Amino acid sequence: MKAKVIALVTINEDQTQALAKYLELTVPVLERVGAKITERYILEEEIVGDKPAETVVIVDYPSRAAIDEVFSSSEYKQAAPFRDKAFSTYSIHVVE
């Protein structure tokens, strides 16, 4: 059964090298499991509540198992320090 991940992120604009390294490590893992970034939105205005992040990214996965494979992979673990520098907000949510 297909699954989606919704990522709420805010990029640290002064950490472009960390972001590049994070993407270098994670994009091949996404490709390997058949995941695709399908939508990206910039959150411009909050109507009610607090703005959770600057950007919403939606990633389609072929299955929940594929999500688990990405986030438990050695490549993703290696990318974590770069992720922590590249983003001031980084929150991942599964929608099945």
PDB file of N, CA and C in Angstrom:
ATOM      1  N   MET A   1       0.832  -1.181   0.000  1.00  0.00           N
ATOM      2  CA  MET A   1       0.000   0.000   0.000  1.00  0.00           C
ATOM      3  C   MET A   1       0.878   1.247   0.000  1.00  0.00           C
ATOM      4  N   LYS A   2       0.565   2.183  -0.880  1.00  0.00           N
ATOM      5  CA  LYS A   2       1.352   3.403  -0.989  1.00  0.00           C
ATOM      6  C   LYS A   2       1.221   4.239   0.273  1.00  0.00           C
ATOM      7  N   ALA A   3       2.242   5.044   0.518  1.00  0.00           N
ATOM      8  CA  ALA A   3       2.259   5.918   1.684  1.00  0.00           C
ATOM      9  C   ALA A   3       2.889   7.251   1.293  1.00  0.00           C
ATOM     10  N   LYS A   4       2.591   8.263   2.088  1.00  0.00           N
ATOM     11  CA  LYS A   4       3.157   9.592   1.867  1.00  0.00           C
ATOM     12  C   LYS A   4       3.849  10.061   3.134  1.00  0.00           C
ATOM     13  N   VAL A   5       4.862  10.854   2.928  1.00  0.00           N
ATOM     14  CA  VAL A   5       5.519  11.555   4.018  1.00  0.00           C
ATOM     15  C   VAL A   5       5.308  13.040   3.784  1.00  0.00           C
ATOM     16  N   ILE A   6       4.949  13.728   4.836  1.00  0.00           N
ATOM     17  CA  ILE A   6       4.862  15.185   4.802  1.00  0.00           C
ATOM     18  C   ILE A   6       5.995  15.708   5.671  1.00  0.00           C
ATOM     19  N   ALA A   7       6.869  16.481   5.062  1.00  0.00           N
ATOM     20  CA  ALA A   7       8.000  17.071   5.778  1.00  0.00           C
ATOM     21  C   ALA A   7       7.724  18.562   5.951  1.00  0.00           C
ATOM     22  N   LEU A   8       7.847  19.027   7.176  1.00  0.00           N
ATOM     23  CA  LEU A   8       7.736  20.448   7.489  1.00  0.00           C
ATOM     24  C   LEU A   8       9.144  20.935   7.805  1.00  0.00           C
ATOM     25  N   VAL A   9       9.684  21.797   6.958  1.00  0.00           N
ATOM     26  CA  VAL A   9      11.087  22.177   7.096  1.00  0.00           C
ATOM     27  C   VAL A   9      11.289  23.680   6.963  1.00  0.00           C
ATOM     28  N   THR A  10      12.330  24.142   7.606  1.00  0.00           N
ATOM     29  CA  THR A  10      12.839  25.486   7.412  1.00  0.00           C
ATOM     30  C   THR A  10      14.331  25.347   7.168  1.00  0.00           C
ATOM     31  N   ILE A  11      14.767  25.805   6.021  1.00  0.00           N
ATOM     32  CA  ILE A  11      16.176  25.685   5.640  1.00  0.00           C
ATOM     33  C   ILE A  11      16.972  26.812   6.276  1.00  0.00           C
ATOM     34  N   ASN A  12      18.139  26.466   6.826  1.00  0.00           N
ATOM     35  CA  ASN A  12      19.092  27.471   7.303  1.00  0.00           C
ATOM     36  C   ASN A  12      19.813  28.019   6.076  1.00  0.00           C
ATOM     37  N   GLU A  13      19.480  29.233   5.684  1.00  0.00           N
ATOM     38  CA  GLU A  13      20.020  29.819   4.457  1.00  0.00           C
ATOM     39  C   GLU A  13      21.548  29.942   4.478  1.00  0.00           C
ATOM     40  N   ASP A  14      22.147  29.986   5.661  1.00  0.00           N
ATOM     41  CA  ASP A  14      23.598  30.112   5.758  1.00  0.00           C
ATOM     42  C   ASP A  14      24.306  28.760   5.823  1.00  0.00           C
ATOM     43  N   GLN A  15      23.566  27.682   5.587  1.00  0.00           N
ATOM     44  CA  GLN A  15      24.145  26.333   5.640  1.00  0.00           C
ATOM     45  C   GLN A  15      23.947  25.595   4.312  1.00  0.00           C
ATOM     46  N   THR A  16      24.263  26.264   3.220  1.00  0.00           N
ATOM     47  CA  THR A  16      24.044  25.672   1.898  1.00  0.00           C
ATOM     48  C   THR A  16      24.913  24.440   1.667  1.00  0.00           C
ATOM     49  N   GLN A  17      26.110  24.425   2.213  1.00  0.00           N
ATOM     50  CA  GLN A  17      26.975  23.250   2.041  1.00  0.00           C
ATOM     51  C   GLN A  17      26.417  22.045   2.794  1.00  0.00           C
ATOM     52  N   ALA A  18      25.888  22.273   3.982  1.00  0.00           N
ATOM     53  CA  ALA A  18      25.280  21.175   4.744  1.00  0.00           C
ATOM     54  C   ALA A  18      24.056  20.643   4.015  1.00  0.00           C
ATOM     55  N   LEU A  19      23.254  21.538   3.445  1.00  0.00           N
ATOM     56  CA  LEU A  19      22.075  21.106   2.694  1.00  0.00           C
ATOM     57  C   LEU A  19      22.487  20.291   1.471  1.00  0.00           C
ATOM     58  N   ALA A  20      23.498  20.753   0.766  1.00  0.00           N
ATOM     59  CA  ALA A  20      23.977  20.025  -0.417  1.00  0.00           C
ATOM     60  C   ALA A  20      24.460  18.624  -0.039  1.00  0.00           C
ATOM     61  N   LYS A  21      25.185  18.510   1.049  1.00  0.00           N
ATOM     62  CA  LYS A  21      25.683  17.201   1.491  1.00  0.00           C
ATOM     63  C   LYS A  21      24.525  16.310   1.930  1.00  0.00           C
ATOM     64  N   TYR A  22      23.553  16.858   2.636  1.00  0.00           N
ATOM     65  CA  TYR A  22      22.379  16.101   3.054  1.00  0.00           C
ATOM     66  C   TYR A  22      21.655  15.536   1.826  1.00  0.00           C
ATOM     67  N   LEU A  23      21.434  16.370   0.830  1.00  0.00           N
ATOM     68  CA  LEU A  23      20.755  15.910  -0.385  1.00  0.00           C
ATOM     69  C   LEU A  23      21.593  14.883  -1.146  1.00  0.00           C
ATOM     70  N   GLU A  24      22.893  15.092  -1.183  1.00  0.00           N
ATOM     71  CA  GLU A  24      23.791  14.142  -1.846  1.00  0.00           C
ATOM     72  C   GLU A  24      23.667  12.744  -1.234  1.00  0.00           C
ATOM     73  N   LEU A  25      23.509  12.688   0.078  1.00  0.00           N
ATOM     74  CA  LEU A  25      23.415  11.403   0.766  1.00  0.00           C
ATOM     75  C   LEU A  25      22.014  10.794   0.727  1.00  0.00           C
ATOM     76  N   THR A  26      20.986  11.633   0.736  1.00  0.00           N
ATOM     77  CA  THR A  26      19.630  11.091   0.868  1.00  0.00           C
ATOM     78  C   THR A  26      18.906  10.851  -0.452  1.00  0.00           C
ATOM     79  N   VAL A  27      19.148  11.651  -1.457  1.00  0.00           N
ATOM     80  CA  VAL A  27      18.429  11.484  -2.726  1.00  0.00           C
ATOM     81  C   VAL A  27      18.638  10.085  -3.322  1.00  0.00           C
ATOM     82  N   PRO A  28      19.853   9.539  -3.337  1.00  0.00           N
ATOM     83  CA  PRO A  28      20.011   8.182  -3.879  1.00  0.00           C
ATOM     84  C   PRO A  28      19.216   7.121  -3.110  1.00  0.00           C
ATOM     85  N   VAL A  29      19.050   7.302  -1.806  1.00  0.00           N
ATOM     86  CA  VAL A  29      18.267   6.349  -1.012  1.00  0.00           C
ATOM     87  C   VAL A  29      16.792   6.436  -1.401  1.00  0.00           C
ATOM     88  N   LEU A  30      16.299   7.661  -1.556  1.00  0.00           N
ATOM     89  CA  LEU A  30      14.913   7.838  -2.004  1.00  0.00           C
ATOM     90  C   LEU A  30      14.700   7.182  -3.363  1.00  0.00           C
ATOM     91  N   GLU A  31      15.631   7.405  -4.272  1.00  0.00           N
ATOM     92  CA  GLU A  31      15.522   6.812  -5.612  1.00  0.00           C
ATOM     93  C   GLU A  31      15.549   5.283  -5.534  1.00  0.00           C
ATOM     94  N   ARG A  32      16.412   4.751  -4.692  1.00  0.00           N
ATOM     95  CA  ARG A  32      16.547   3.297  -4.564  1.00  0.00           C
ATOM     96  C   ARG A  32      15.240   2.630  -4.135  1.00  0.00           C
ATOM     97  N   VAL A  33      14.489   3.271  -3.246  1.00  0.00           N
ATOM     98  CA  VAL A  33      13.239   2.668  -2.764  1.00  0.00           C
ATOM     99  C   VAL A  33      12.036   3.067  -3.612  1.00  0.00           C
ATOM    100  N   GLY A  34      12.235   3.920  -4.600  1.00  0.00           N
ATOM    101  CA  GLY A  34      11.138   4.334  -5.463  1.00  0.00           C
ATOM    102  C   GLY A  34      10.327   5.496  -4.934  1.00  0.00           C
ATOM    103  N   ALA A  35      10.894   6.270  -4.020  1.00  0.00           N
ATOM    104  CA  ALA A  35      10.198   7.444  -3.476  1.00  0.00           C
ATOM    105  C   ALA A  35      10.408   8.638  -4.402  1.00  0.00           C
ATOM    106  N   LYS A  36       9.404   9.518  -4.443  1.00  0.00           N
ATOM    107  CA  LYS A  36       9.489  10.699  -5.290  1.00  0.00           C
ATOM    108  C   LYS A  36       8.915  11.902  -4.553  1.00  0.00           C
ATOM    109  N   ILE A  37       9.651  13.009  -4.616  1.00  0.00           N
ATOM    110  CA  ILE A  37       9.111  14.273  -4.111  1.00  0.00           C
ATOM    111  C   ILE A  37       8.074  14.724  -5.136  1.00  0.00           C
ATOM    112  N   THR A  38       6.827  14.852  -4.691  1.00  0.00           N
ATOM    113  CA  THR A  38       5.758  15.169  -5.635  1.00  0.00           C
ATOM    114  C   THR A  38       5.231  16.587  -5.518  1.00  0.00           C
ATOM    115  N   GLU A  39       5.361  17.179  -4.338  1.00  0.00           N
ATOM    116  CA  GLU A  39       4.852  18.543  -4.152  1.00  0.00           C
ATOM    117  C   GLU A  39       5.734  19.287  -3.167  1.00  0.00           C
ATOM    118  N   ARG A  40       5.773  20.598  -3.347  1.00  0.00           N
ATOM    119  CA  ARG A  40       6.518  21.468  -2.435  1.00  0.00           C
ATOM    120  C   ARG A  40       5.760  22.785  -2.350  1.00  0.00           C
ATOM    121  N   TYR A  41       5.557  23.246  -1.132  1.00  0.00           N
ATOM    122  CA  TYR A  41       4.815  24.486  -0.910  1.00  0.00           C
ATOM    123  C   TYR A  41       5.580  25.373   0.057  1.00  0.00           C
ATOM    124  N   ILE A  42       5.552  26.657  -0.201  1.00  0.00           N
ATOM    125  CA  ILE A  42       6.070  27.650   0.731  1.00  0.00           C
ATOM    126  C   ILE A  42       4.877  28.140   1.554  1.00  0.00           C
ATOM    127  N   LEU A  43       4.981  28.057   2.872  1.00  0.00           N
ATOM    128  CA  LEU A  43       3.916  28.540   3.749  1.00  0.00           C
ATOM    129  C   LEU A  43       4.067  30.051   3.887  1.00  0.00           C
ATOM    130  N   GLU A  44       3.112  30.777   3.361  1.00  0.00           N
ATOM    131  CA  GLU A  44       3.235  32.227   3.324  1.00  0.00           C
ATOM    132  C   GLU A  44       2.511  32.946   4.448  1.00  0.00           C
ATOM    133  N   GLU A  45       1.403  32.386   4.897  1.00  0.00           N
ATOM    134  CA  GLU A  45       0.586  33.112   5.871  1.00  0.00           C
ATOM    135  C   GLU A  45      -0.137  32.113   6.768  1.00  0.00           C
ATOM    136  N   GLU A  46      -0.124  32.386   8.071  1.00  0.00           N
ATOM    137  CA  GLU A  46      -0.909  31.553   8.962  1.00  0.00           C
ATOM    138  C   GLU A  46      -2.236  32.248   9.207  1.00  0.00           C
ATOM    139  N   ILE A  47      -3.297  31.462   9.190  1.00  0.00           N
ATOM    140  CA  ILE A  47      -4.632  31.987   9.462  1.00  0.00           C
ATOM    141  C   ILE A  47      -4.957  31.791  10.946  1.00  0.00           C
ATOM    142  N   VAL A  48      -4.665  30.582  11.449  1.00  0.00           N
ATOM    143  CA  VAL A  48      -4.892  30.247  12.853  1.00  0.00           C
ATOM    144  C   VAL A  48      -3.660  29.486  13.336  1.00  0.00           C
ATOM    145  N   GLY A  49      -3.184  29.795  14.518  1.00  0.00           N
ATOM    146  CA  GLY A  49      -2.050  29.064  15.087  1.00  0.00           C
ATOM    147  C   GLY A  49      -0.713  29.611  14.621  1.00  0.00           C
ATOM    148  N   ASP A  50       0.325  28.863  14.947  1.00  0.00           N
ATOM    149  CA  ASP A  50       1.686  29.258  14.616  1.00  0.00           C
ATOM    150  C   ASP A  50       2.149  28.546  13.349  1.00  0.00           C
ATOM    151  N   LYS A  51       2.958  29.216  12.605  1.00  0.00           N
ATOM    152  CA  LYS A  51       3.540  28.655  11.387  1.00  0.00           C
ATOM    153  C   LYS A  51       4.546  27.571  11.792  1.00  0.00           C
ATOM    154  N   PRO A  52       4.311  26.304  11.367  1.00  0.00           N
ATOM    155  CA  PRO A  52       5.177  25.220  11.825  1.00  0.00           C
ATOM    156  C   PRO A  52       6.534  25.171  11.131  1.00  0.00           C
ATOM    157  N   ALA A  53       6.624  25.740   9.932  1.00  0.00           N
ATOM    158  CA  ALA A  53       7.865  25.702   9.157  1.00  0.00           C
ATOM    159  C   ALA A  53       7.698  26.646   7.970  1.00  0.00           C
ATOM    160  N   GLU A  54       8.762  26.808   7.204  1.00  0.00           N
ATOM    161  CA  GLU A  54       8.700  27.653   6.010  1.00  0.00           C
ATOM    162  C   GLU A  54       8.200  26.892   4.785  1.00  0.00           C
ATOM    163  N   THR A  55       8.474  25.577   4.738  1.00  0.00           N
ATOM    164  CA  THR A  55       8.192  24.789   3.542  1.00  0.00           C
ATOM    165  C   THR A  55       7.548  23.467   3.918  1.00  0.00           C
ATOM    166  N   VAL A  56       6.616  23.025   3.073  1.00  0.00           N
ATOM    167  CA  VAL A  56       6.019  21.700   3.185  1.00  0.00           C
ATOM    168  C   VAL A  56       6.450  20.914   1.955  1.00  0.00           C
ATOM    169  N   VAL A  57       6.994  19.722   2.185  1.00  0.00           N
ATOM    170  CA  VAL A  57       7.412  18.847   1.088  1.00  0.00           C
ATOM    171  C   VAL A  57       6.649  17.542   1.238  1.00  0.00           C
ATOM    172  N   ILE A  58       6.050  17.083   0.138  1.00  0.00           N
ATOM    173  CA  ILE A  58       5.312  15.825   0.146  1.00  0.00           C
ATOM    174  C   ILE A  58       6.075  14.821  -0.705  1.00  0.00           C
ATOM    175  N   VAL A  59       6.337  13.659  -0.100  1.00  0.00           N
ATOM    176  CA  VAL A  59       7.091  12.600  -0.771  1.00  0.00           C
ATOM    177  C   VAL A  59       6.215  11.362  -0.841  1.00  0.00           C
ATOM    178  N   ASP A  60       6.035  10.835  -2.047  1.00  0.00           N
ATOM    179  CA  ASP A  60       5.280   9.592  -2.238  1.00  0.00           C
ATOM    180  C   ASP A  60       6.235   8.411  -2.181  1.00  0.00           C
ATOM    181  N   TYR A  61       5.845   7.416  -1.408  1.00  0.00           N
ATOM    182  CA  TYR A  61       6.614   6.172  -1.266  1.00  0.00           C
ATOM    183  C   TYR A  61       5.754   5.012  -1.762  1.00  0.00           C
ATOM    184  N   PRO A  62       6.376   3.959  -2.274  1.00  0.00           N
ATOM    185  CA  PRO A  62       5.598   2.804  -2.732  1.00  0.00           C
ATOM    186  C   PRO A  62       4.953   2.022  -1.589  1.00  0.00           C
ATOM    187  N   SER A  63       5.480   2.174  -0.362  1.00  0.00           N
ATOM    188  CA  SER A  63       4.943   1.440   0.793  1.00  0.00           C
ATOM    189  C   SER A  63       5.465   2.048   2.086  1.00  0.00           C
ATOM    190  N   ARG A  64       4.835   1.664   3.181  1.00  0.00           N
ATOM    191  CA  ARG A  64       5.343   2.079   4.495  1.00  0.00           C
ATOM    192  C   ARG A  64       6.715   1.463   4.746  1.00  0.00           C
ATOM    193  N   ALA A  65       6.925   0.252   4.261  1.00  0.00           N
ATOM    194  CA  ALA A  65       8.228  -0.407   4.432  1.00  0.00           C
ATOM    195  C   ALA A  65       9.336   0.407   3.758  1.00  0.00           C
ATOM    196  N   ALA A  66       9.038   1.048   2.647  1.00  0.00           N
ATOM    197  CA  ALA A  66      10.033   1.867   1.958  1.00  0.00           C
ATOM    198  C   ALA A  66      10.413   3.081   2.808  1.00  0.00           C
ATOM    199  N   ILE A  67       9.431   3.657   3.503  1.00  0.00           N
ATOM    200  CA  ILE A  67       9.724   4.775   4.409  1.00  0.00           C
ATOM    201  C   ILE A  67      10.687   4.311   5.501  1.00  0.00           C
ATOM    202  N   ASP A  68      10.361   3.181   6.102  1.00  0.00           N
ATOM    203  CA  ASP A  68      11.212   2.643   7.166  1.00  0.00           C
ATOM    204  C   ASP A  68      12.617   2.346   6.656  1.00  0.00           C
ATOM    205  N   GLU A  69      12.704   1.852   5.427  1.00  0.00           N
ATOM    206  CA  GLU A  69      14.016   1.548   4.849  1.00  0.00           C
ATOM    207  C   GLU A  69      14.866   2.807   4.713  1.00  0.00           C
ATOM    208  N   VAL A  70      14.252   3.893   4.263  1.00  0.00           N
ATOM    209  CA  VAL A  70      14.999   5.149   4.110  1.00  0.00           C
ATOM    210  C   VAL A  70      15.496   5.654   5.462  1.00  0.00           C
ATOM    211  N   PHE A  71      14.577   5.759   6.432  1.00  0.00           N
ATOM    212  CA  PHE A  71      14.934   6.397   7.695  1.00  0.00           C
ATOM    213  C   PHE A  71      15.784   5.520   8.608  1.00  0.00           C
ATOM    214  N   SER A  72      15.876   4.233   8.310  1.00  0.00           N
ATOM    215  CA  SER A  72      16.763   3.359   9.085  1.00  0.00           C
ATOM    216  C   SER A  72      18.053   3.032   8.334  1.00  0.00           C
ATOM    217  N   SER A  73      18.206   3.569   7.128  1.00  0.00           N
ATOM    218  CA  SER A  73      19.387   3.257   6.310  1.00  0.00           C
ATOM    219  C   SER A  73      20.654   3.884   6.890  1.00  0.00           C
ATOM    220  N   SER A  74      21.766   3.273   6.571  1.00  0.00           N
ATOM    221  CA  SER A  74      23.051   3.823   7.012  1.00  0.00           C
ATOM    222  C   SER A  74      23.310   5.180   6.364  1.00  0.00           C
ATOM    223  N   GLU A  75      22.834   5.353   5.136  1.00  0.00           N
ATOM    224  CA  GLU A  75      23.022   6.632   4.456  1.00  0.00           C
ATOM    225  C   GLU A  75      22.273   7.745   5.179  1.00  0.00           C
ATOM    226  N   TYR A  76      21.056   7.458   5.615  1.00  0.00           N
ATOM    227  CA  TYR A  76      20.287   8.479   6.313  1.00  0.00           C
ATOM    228  C   TYR A  76      20.938   8.810   7.659  1.00  0.00           C
ATOM    229  N   LYS A  77      21.417   7.791   8.338  1.00  0.00           N
ATOM    230  CA  LYS A  77      22.106   8.035   9.614  1.00  0.00           C
ATOM    231  C   LYS A  77      23.353   8.875   9.395  1.00  0.00           C
ATOM    232  N   GLN A  78      24.053   8.627   8.303  1.00  0.00           N
ATOM    233  CA  GLN A  78      25.240   9.411   7.975  1.00  0.00           C
ATOM    234  C   GLN A  78      24.864  10.860   7.640  1.00  0.00           C
ATOM    235  N   ALA A  79      23.681  11.058   7.080  1.00  0.00           N
ATOM    236  CA  ALA A  79      23.227  12.391   6.682  1.00  0.00           C
ATOM    237  C   ALA A  79      22.710  13.221   7.851  1.00  0.00           C
ATOM    238  N   ALA A  80      22.391  12.580   8.976  1.00  0.00           N
ATOM    239  CA  ALA A  80      21.762  13.269  10.105  1.00  0.00           C
ATOM    240  C   ALA A  80      22.527  14.508  10.591  1.00  0.00           C
ATOM    241  N   PRO A  81      23.846  14.473  10.745  1.00  0.00           N
ATOM    242  CA  PRO A  81      24.537  15.684  11.203  1.00  0.00           C
ATOM    243  C   PRO A  81      24.397  16.851  10.213  1.00  0.00           C
ATOM    244  N   PHE A  82      24.371  16.535   8.921  1.00  0.00           N
ATOM    245  CA  PHE A  82      24.198  17.575   7.902  1.00  0.00           C
ATOM    246  C   PHE A  82      22.762  18.104   7.929  1.00  0.00           C
ATOM    247  N   ARG A  83      21.792  17.201   8.140  1.00  0.00           N
ATOM    248  CA  ARG A  83      20.386  17.592   8.281  1.00  0.00           C
ATOM    249  C   ARG A  83      20.233  18.581   9.432  1.00  0.00           C
ATOM    250  N   ASP A  84      20.863  18.265  10.555  1.00  0.00           N
ATOM    251  CA  ASP A  84      20.728  19.108  11.743  1.00  0.00           C
ATOM    252  C   ASP A  84      21.310  20.503  11.536  1.00  0.00           C
ATOM    253  N   LYS A  85      22.313  20.630  10.676  1.00  0.00           N
ATOM    254  CA  LYS A  85      22.872  21.942  10.348  1.00  0.00           C
ATOM    255  C   LYS A  85      22.048  22.648   9.277  1.00  0.00           C
ATOM    256  N   ALA A  86      21.550  21.890   8.311  1.00  0.00           N
ATOM    257  CA  ALA A  86      20.873  22.461   7.148  1.00  0.00           C
ATOM    258  C   ALA A  86      19.485  23.015   7.459  1.00  0.00           C
ATOM    259  N   PHE A  87      18.824  22.446   8.474  1.00  0.00           N
ATOM    260  CA  PHE A  87      17.442  22.830   8.764  1.00  0.00           C
ATOM    261  C   PHE A  87      17.308  23.331  10.203  1.00  0.00           C
ATOM    262  N   SER A  88      16.599  24.442  10.378  1.00  0.00           N
ATOM    263  CA  SER A  88      16.272  24.881  11.733  1.00  0.00           C
ATOM    264  C   SER A  88      14.974  24.229  12.200  1.00  0.00           C
ATOM    265  N   THR A  89      14.141  23.819  11.247  1.00  0.00           N
ATOM    266  CA  THR A  89      12.932  23.059  11.531  1.00  0.00           C
ATOM    267  C   THR A  89      12.937  21.841  10.619  1.00  0.00           C
ATOM    268  N   TYR A  90      12.701  20.665  11.179  1.00  0.00           N
ATOM    269  CA  TYR A  90      12.684  19.436  10.375  1.00  0.00           C
ATOM    270  C   TYR A  90      11.771  18.456  11.090  1.00  0.00           C
ATOM    271  N   SER A  91      10.587  18.282  10.550  1.00  0.00           N
ATOM    272  CA  SER A  91       9.587  17.431  11.159  1.00  0.00           C
ATOM    273  C   SER A  91       8.982  16.540  10.077  1.00  0.00           C
ATOM    274  N   ILE A  92       8.982  15.231  10.303  1.00  0.00           N
ATOM    275  CA  ILE A  92       8.511  14.266   9.305  1.00  0.00           C
ATOM    276  C   ILE A  92       7.252  13.587   9.834  1.00  0.00           C
ATOM    277  N   HIS A  93       6.250  13.468   8.958  1.00  0.00           N
ATOM    278  CA  HIS A  93       4.974  12.861   9.334  1.00  0.00           C
ATOM    279  C   HIS A  93       4.537  11.881   8.258  1.00  0.00           C
ATOM    280  N   VAL A  94       4.085  10.706   8.655  1.00  0.00           N
ATOM    281  CA  VAL A  94       3.626   9.683   7.713  1.00  0.00           C
ATOM    282  C   VAL A  94       2.115   9.792   7.568  1.00  0.00           C
ATOM    283  N   VAL A  95       1.671   9.766   6.312  1.00  0.00           N
ATOM    284  CA  VAL A  95       0.255   9.734   5.985  1.00  0.00           C
ATOM    285  C   VAL A  95       0.043   8.486   5.141  1.00  0.00           C
ATOM    286  N   GLU A  96      -0.765   7.567   5.638  1.00  0.00           N
ATOM    287  CA  GLU A  96      -0.990   6.327   4.883  1.00  0.00           C
ATOM    288  C   GLU A  96      -2.401   6.278   4.376  1.00  0.00           C
TER     289      GLU A  96
END
